[in-house]
C-alpha atoms as a PDB file:
ATOM      1  CA  MET A   1      -0.027  -0.141   0.105  1.00  0.00           C
ATOM      2  CA  LYS A   2       1.327   3.521  -0.774  1.00  0.00           C
ATOM      3  CA  LYS A   3       2.194   5.855   1.997  1.00  0.00           C
ATOM      4  CA  ILE A   4       0.946   9.497   2.323  1.00  0.00           C
ATOM      5  CA  LEU A   5       2.176  11.860   4.981  1.00  0.00           C
ATOM      6  CA  VAL A   6      -0.527  14.333   6.068  1.00  0.00           C
ATOM      7  CA  LEU A   7       0.832  17.301   7.948  1.00  0.00           C
ATOM      8  CA  ASN A   8      -1.392  19.870   9.809  1.00  0.00           C
ATOM      9  CA  GLY A   9       0.043  23.047  11.109  1.00  0.00           C
ATOM     10  CA  PRO A  10      -0.420  25.337  13.827  1.00  0.00           C
ATOM     11  CA  ASN A  11      -3.701  25.739  15.708  1.00  0.00           C
ATOM     12  CA  LEU A  12      -5.306  23.050  13.729  1.00  0.00           C
ATOM     13  CA  ASN A  13      -5.239  20.971  17.089  1.00  0.00           C
ATOM     14  CA  LEU A  14      -7.855  23.322  18.302  1.00  0.00           C
ATOM     15  CA  LEU A  15     -10.434  22.410  15.727  1.00  0.00           C
ATOM     16  CA  GLY A  16     -13.773  21.835  17.283  1.00  0.00           C
ATOM     17  CA  THR A  17     -13.068  24.000  20.251  1.00  0.00           C
ATOM     18  CA  ARG A  18     -11.768  27.151  18.950  1.00  0.00           C
ATOM     19  CA  GLU A  19     -14.382  29.458  17.346  1.00  0.00           C
ATOM     20  CA  PRO A  20     -16.807  26.570  16.411  1.00  0.00           C
ATOM     21  CA  GLU A  21     -19.082  29.240  14.793  1.00  0.00           C
ATOM     22  CA  VAL A  22     -16.201  29.849  12.391  1.00  0.00           C
ATOM     23  CA  TYR A  23     -14.458  26.562  12.112  1.00  0.00           C
ATOM     24  CA  GLY A  24     -17.215  24.028  13.006  1.00  0.00           C
ATOM     25  CA  THR A  25     -17.266  21.369  15.746  1.00  0.00           C
ATOM     26  CA  GLU A  26     -15.404  18.652  14.183  1.00  0.00           C
ATOM     27  CA  SER A  27     -12.082  17.865  15.802  1.00  0.00           C
ATOM     28  CA  LEU A  28      -8.860  17.320  13.654  1.00  0.00           C
ATOM     29  CA  ASP A  29      -9.041  13.697  14.925  1.00  0.00           C
ATOM     30  CA  GLN A  30     -12.394  13.132  13.487  1.00  0.00           C
ATOM     31  CA  ILE A  31     -11.275  14.824  10.248  1.00  0.00           C
ATOM     32  CA  MET A  32      -8.159  12.646  10.114  1.00  0.00           C
ATOM     33  CA  GLN A  33     -10.243   9.514  10.855  1.00  0.00           C
ATOM     34  CA  ARG A  34     -12.488  10.263   7.958  1.00  0.00           C
ATOM     35  CA  LEU A  35      -9.586  11.038   5.589  1.00  0.00           C
ATOM     36  CA  THR A  36      -7.943   7.928   6.483  1.00  0.00           C
ATOM     37  CA  VAL A  37     -10.806   5.649   5.696  1.00  0.00           C
ATOM     38  CA  THR A  38     -11.294   7.428   2.360  1.00  0.00           C
ATOM     39  CA  ALA A  39      -7.579   7.018   1.805  1.00  0.00           C
ATOM     40  CA  ARG A  40      -7.642   3.329   2.317  1.00  0.00           C
ATOM     41  CA  ASP A  41     -10.605   2.749   0.006  1.00  0.00           C
ATOM     42  CA  LEU A  42      -8.367   4.233  -2.570  1.00  0.00           C
ATOM     43  CA  GLY A  43      -5.242   1.971  -1.666  1.00  0.00           C
ATOM     44  CA  TYR A  44      -3.218   4.486   0.280  1.00  0.00           C
ATOM     45  CA  ASP A  45      -2.136   4.343   4.030  1.00  0.00           C
ATOM     46  CA  LEU A  46      -1.958   7.645   5.752  1.00  0.00           C
ATOM     47  CA  GLU A  47       0.348   8.904   8.428  1.00  0.00           C
ATOM     48  CA  CYS A  48      -0.872  12.072  10.145  1.00  0.00           C
ATOM     49  CA  CYS A  49       1.026  14.621  12.050  1.00  0.00           C
ATOM     50  CA  GLN A  50       0.208  18.040  13.712  1.00  0.00           C
ATOM     51  CA  SER A  51       2.607  20.500  15.028  1.00  0.00           C
ATOM     52  CA  ASN A  52       2.528  24.005  16.129  1.00  0.00           C
ATOM     53  CA  HIS A  53       6.306  24.155  15.478  1.00  0.00           C
ATOM     54  CA  GLU A  54       7.700  24.819  11.973  1.00  0.00           C
ATOM     55  CA  GLY A  55      10.853  22.903  12.561  1.00  0.00           C
ATOM     56  CA  GLU A  56       8.902  19.647  13.476  1.00  0.00           C
ATOM     57  CA  LEU A  57       7.057  19.859  10.026  1.00  0.00           C
ATOM     58  CA  ILE A  58      10.074  20.457   8.231  1.00  0.00           C
ATOM     59  CA  ASP A  59      11.615  17.362   9.949  1.00  0.00           C
ATOM     60  CA  GLN A  60       8.619  15.439   8.876  1.00  0.00           C
ATOM     61  CA  ILE A  61       8.918  16.420   5.191  1.00  0.00           C
ATOM     62  CA  HIS A  62      12.627  15.418   5.295  1.00  0.00           C
ATOM     63  CA  ARG A  63      11.702  12.020   6.802  1.00  0.00           C
ATOM     64  CA  ALA A  64       9.097  11.434   3.976  1.00  0.00           C
ATOM     65  CA  GLY A  65      11.710  11.860   1.394  1.00  0.00           C
ATOM     66  CA  SER A  66      13.966   9.300   3.032  1.00  0.00           C
ATOM     67  CA  GLU A  67      11.258   6.757   3.965  1.00  0.00           C
ATOM     68  CA  SER A  68       9.647   6.346   0.399  1.00  0.00           C
ATOM     69  CA  PHE A  69       6.316   8.135   1.028  1.00  0.00           C
ATOM     70  CA  SER A  70       4.389   8.563  -2.093  1.00  0.00           C
ATOM     71  CA  GLY A  71       3.375  12.221  -1.357  1.00  0.00           C
ATOM     72  CA  ILE A  72       2.551  14.739   1.178  1.00  0.00           C
ATOM     73  CA  ILE A  73      -0.603  16.561   1.947  1.00  0.00           C
ATOM     74  CA  ILE A  74      -0.114  19.740   3.964  1.00  0.00           C
ATOM     75  CA  ASN A  75      -2.654  21.974   5.762  1.00  0.00           C
ATOM     76  CA  PRO A  76      -0.568  24.713   7.061  1.00  0.00           C
ATOM     77  CA  GLY A  77      -2.883  26.098   9.374  1.00  0.00           C
ATOM     78  CA  GLY A  78      -1.697  29.426  10.992  1.00  0.00           C
ATOM     79  CA  PHE A  79       1.312  29.504   8.592  1.00  0.00           C
ATOM     80  CA  THR A  80      -1.022  30.886   6.010  1.00  0.00           C
ATOM     81  CA  HIS A  81      -1.405  34.360   7.545  1.00  0.00           C
ATOM     82  CA  THR A  82       1.550  34.778   9.716  1.00  0.00           C
END
């Protein structure tokens, strides 16, 4: 099965609790569970990571290159506006 790395950036750990009127009530874990099921149906195995630290996300990107991941999906979260 092909491996995909899913990276979630700053503040996405607060989904479901932070400003639910803007971002909704679904948590990041719930979203990742749904995404994992859909990916498996399509023949992909997901590895998900969330960090509020830029360096950790960069380390994960480097690791994906050396561990033969087929691709990376990134939701940069707070990095999109800071």
